N, C-alpha and C. Protein backbone atom coordinates (compact mmCIF):
# COMPACT_ATOMS: atom_id res chain seq x y z
N MET A 1 113.76 60.38 72.96
CA MET A 1 113.56 60.95 72.01
C MET A 1 115.03 61.59 71.62
N THR A 2 115.32 61.35 69.91
CA THR A 2 116.66 62.03 69.66
C THR A 2 116.09 63.20 68.82
N VAL A 3 117.05 64.30 69.29
CA VAL A 3 116.47 65.58 68.83
C VAL A 3 118.03 65.78 67.69
N LYS A 4 117.64 66.12 66.34
CA LYS A 4 118.79 65.86 65.60
C LYS A 4 119.23 67.72 65.55
N ARG A 5 120.50 67.84 65.74
CA ARG A 5 121.12 69.01 65.71
C ARG A 5 121.37 69.66 64.65
N LYS A 6 120.83 70.99 64.44
CA LYS A 6 120.98 71.92 63.33
C LYS A 6 122.49 71.98 62.73
N MET A 7 123.01 71.85 61.20
CA MET A 7 124.05 71.93 60.98
C MET A 7 124.19 72.87 59.72
N VAL A 8 125.39 73.64 59.62
CA VAL A 8 125.78 74.33 58.39
C VAL A 8 127.10 73.67 57.73
N CYS A 9 127.59 74.10 56.61
CA CYS A 9 128.44 73.98 56.08
C CYS A 9 128.92 75.41 55.70
N VAL A 10 130.43 75.51 55.87
CA VAL A 10 131.13 77.10 56.24
C VAL A 10 132.48 76.30 54.97
N ASP A 11 133.29 77.93 55.12
CA ASP A 11 134.53 77.84 53.69
C ASP A 11 135.03 79.22 54.51
N PRO A 12 136.40 78.72 54.89
CA PRO A 12 136.98 80.14 55.37
C PRO A 12 137.64 80.80 54.01
N ARG A 13 137.26 82.20 54.70
CA ARG A 13 137.77 82.97 53.45
C ARG A 13 138.94 83.96 53.96
N SER A 14 139.80 84.39 54.96
CA SER A 14 140.37 85.48 55.11
C SER A 14 141.55 84.00 55.28
N ASN A 15 143.16 84.47 56.02
CA ASN A 15 144.16 83.86 56.20
C ASN A 15 143.68 82.87 57.90
N ALA A 16 143.41 83.73 58.73
CA ALA A 16 143.42 83.50 59.91
C ALA A 16 142.19 82.44 59.77
N ALA A 17 140.67 82.20 59.54
CA ALA A 17 140.07 81.26 59.40
C ALA A 17 140.60 79.70 58.67
N ARG A 18 142.00 80.24 57.12
CA ARG A 18 142.13 79.09 56.89
C ARG A 18 142.95 78.40 57.75
N LEU A 19 143.89 79.02 58.58
CA LEU A 19 144.50 78.65 59.48
C LEU A 19 143.71 77.65 60.62
N ARG A 20 142.48 78.16 60.85
CA ARG A 20 141.55 77.79 62.04
C ARG A 20 141.29 76.46 61.32
N PHE A 21 141.02 76.71 59.97
CA PHE A 21 140.33 75.46 59.34
C PHE A 21 141.01 74.31 59.29
N VAL A 22 142.71 74.38 58.68
CA VAL A 22 143.50 73.14 58.89
C VAL A 22 143.45 73.01 59.89
N THR A 23 144.56 73.36 60.68
CA THR A 23 144.58 73.19 62.10
C THR A 23 143.72 72.57 62.87
N GLU A 24 142.58 73.61 63.74
CA GLU A 24 141.45 73.07 64.14
C GLU A 24 140.06 72.16 63.81
N MET A 25 139.77 72.19 62.50
CA MET A 25 138.70 72.03 61.99
C MET A 25 138.98 70.80 61.44
N SER A 26 140.36 70.29 61.01
CA SER A 26 140.54 69.05 60.59
C SER A 26 140.09 69.03 58.81
N LYS A 27 140.28 70.10 58.22
CA LYS A 27 139.71 70.36 57.24
C LYS A 27 138.29 69.76 56.59
N LEU A 28 137.37 69.99 57.70
CA LEU A 28 136.05 69.39 57.48
C LEU A 28 135.32 70.83 57.71
N HIS A 29 133.82 70.78 56.94
CA HIS A 29 133.43 71.72 56.44
C HIS A 29 132.21 72.17 57.47
N SER A 30 131.83 71.27 57.82
CA SER A 30 130.53 71.08 58.66
C SER A 30 130.81 71.31 59.74
N CYS A 31 129.64 72.41 60.41
CA CYS A 31 129.55 72.82 61.89
C CYS A 31 128.52 72.71 62.27
N TYR A 32 128.27 72.74 63.92
CA TYR A 32 126.67 72.26 64.47
C TYR A 32 126.61 73.84 65.08
N ILE A 33 124.92 73.90 64.71
CA ILE A 33 124.59 75.04 65.03
C ILE A 33 124.37 75.30 66.66
N ASP A 34 125.31 76.11 67.29
CA ASP A 34 124.71 75.79 68.92
C ASP A 34 123.54 77.18 69.28
N ASN A 35 123.67 78.20 68.46
CA ASN A 35 122.77 79.34 68.93
C ASN A 35 122.74 80.27 68.01
N GLU A 36 121.69 80.46 67.49
CA GLU A 36 121.36 81.65 66.49
C GLU A 36 120.90 83.03 67.16
N LEU A 37 121.16 84.22 67.15
CA LEU A 37 120.48 85.15 67.71
C LEU A 37 120.76 86.45 67.04
N ASN A 38 119.99 87.29 66.43
CA ASN A 38 120.39 88.71 65.57
C ASN A 38 121.32 88.31 64.27
N GLY A 39 121.02 87.27 63.85
CA GLY A 39 121.41 87.33 62.58
C GLY A 39 123.53 86.70 62.46
N ILE A 40 123.41 86.01 64.12
CA ILE A 40 125.02 85.58 64.41
C ILE A 40 125.01 84.24 64.78
N LEU A 41 125.48 83.24 64.19
CA LEU A 41 125.66 81.99 64.31
C LEU A 41 126.76 81.79 65.07
N TYR A 42 126.26 80.88 66.17
CA TYR A 42 127.51 80.40 66.99
C TYR A 42 127.70 78.92 66.83
N LEU A 43 128.92 78.71 66.53
CA LEU A 43 129.25 77.16 65.84
C LEU A 43 129.94 76.54 66.72
N THR A 44 130.19 75.22 65.73
CA THR A 44 130.96 74.55 66.67
C THR A 44 131.37 73.09 65.84
N SER A 45 132.89 73.53 65.51
CA SER A 45 133.34 72.14 64.75
C SER A 45 132.45 71.02 64.76
N ILE A 46 132.85 70.10 63.80
CA ILE A 46 132.27 68.54 63.87
C ILE A 46 132.77 67.78 64.77
N ASN A 47 134.49 68.07 64.53
CA ASN A 47 135.13 67.06 65.45
C ASN A 47 134.93 68.06 66.51
N GLY A 48 134.25 69.08 67.11
CA GLY A 48 134.44 69.32 68.50
C GLY A 48 135.70 70.20 69.03
N LYS A 49 136.14 70.36 68.08
CA LYS A 49 137.75 71.04 68.83
C LYS A 49 137.74 72.78 68.46
N TYR A 50 136.78 73.32 67.22
CA TYR A 50 137.06 74.94 67.70
C TYR A 50 135.57 75.31 67.61
N ARG A 51 135.36 76.12 68.72
CA ARG A 51 133.75 76.86 68.99
C ARG A 51 133.97 78.56 67.87
N PHE A 52 132.90 79.24 67.39
CA PHE A 52 133.48 80.57 66.63
C PHE A 52 131.69 81.18 65.92
N SER A 53 132.17 82.30 66.23
CA SER A 53 130.80 82.52 66.29
C SER A 53 130.56 83.53 64.63
N MET A 54 130.03 83.49 63.46
CA MET A 54 129.90 84.59 62.34
C MET A 54 128.37 84.83 62.29
N ASN A 55 128.83 86.08 61.37
CA ASN A 55 127.74 86.70 60.60
C ASN A 55 126.91 86.08 59.67
N LYS A 56 125.86 85.61 59.95
CA LYS A 56 125.04 84.72 58.59
C LYS A 56 124.99 85.61 57.45
N LYS A 57 124.99 86.57 57.33
CA LYS A 57 124.70 86.70 55.95
C LYS A 57 126.33 87.47 55.47
N GLU A 58 126.67 88.08 56.02
CA GLU A 58 127.64 88.76 55.58
C GLU A 58 129.47 88.50 56.60
N ASP A 59 130.08 87.70 56.72
CA ASP A 59 131.08 87.96 57.59
C ASP A 59 132.73 88.12 56.44
N LYS A 60 133.31 88.43 57.50
CA LYS A 60 134.82 88.39 56.63
C LYS A 60 135.77 87.54 57.11
N ASN A 61 135.49 86.13 57.84
CA ASN A 61 136.06 85.34 57.90
C ASN A 61 135.51 84.10 57.34
N TRP A 62 134.70 84.02 57.29
CA TRP A 62 133.65 83.01 56.91
C TRP A 62 132.64 83.25 55.80
N ALA A 63 131.76 82.13 55.32
CA ALA A 63 130.85 81.96 54.58
C ALA A 63 130.40 80.77 54.54
N VAL A 64 129.30 80.80 54.76
CA VAL A 64 128.18 79.53 54.35
C VAL A 64 127.95 79.26 52.72
N VAL A 65 128.10 78.16 52.75
CA VAL A 65 128.35 77.37 51.55
C VAL A 65 126.69 76.07 51.80
N LYS A 66 126.47 75.71 50.47
CA LYS A 66 125.00 74.88 50.66
C LYS A 66 125.83 73.41 50.13
């Protein structure tokens, strides 16, 4: 049985996030959701090179996009 992993698309907001987006995430917006706890998303970039957390509703570095 295969379980489909949840995903989310993110967009960088800060300069630091833009740098990570280009250098670590290969400019790919999709991320796997590893965990969600108390409104915090724990994510891994689709290419597997970058792991980070973000506030689901309001984060200074990342925004969730549909």
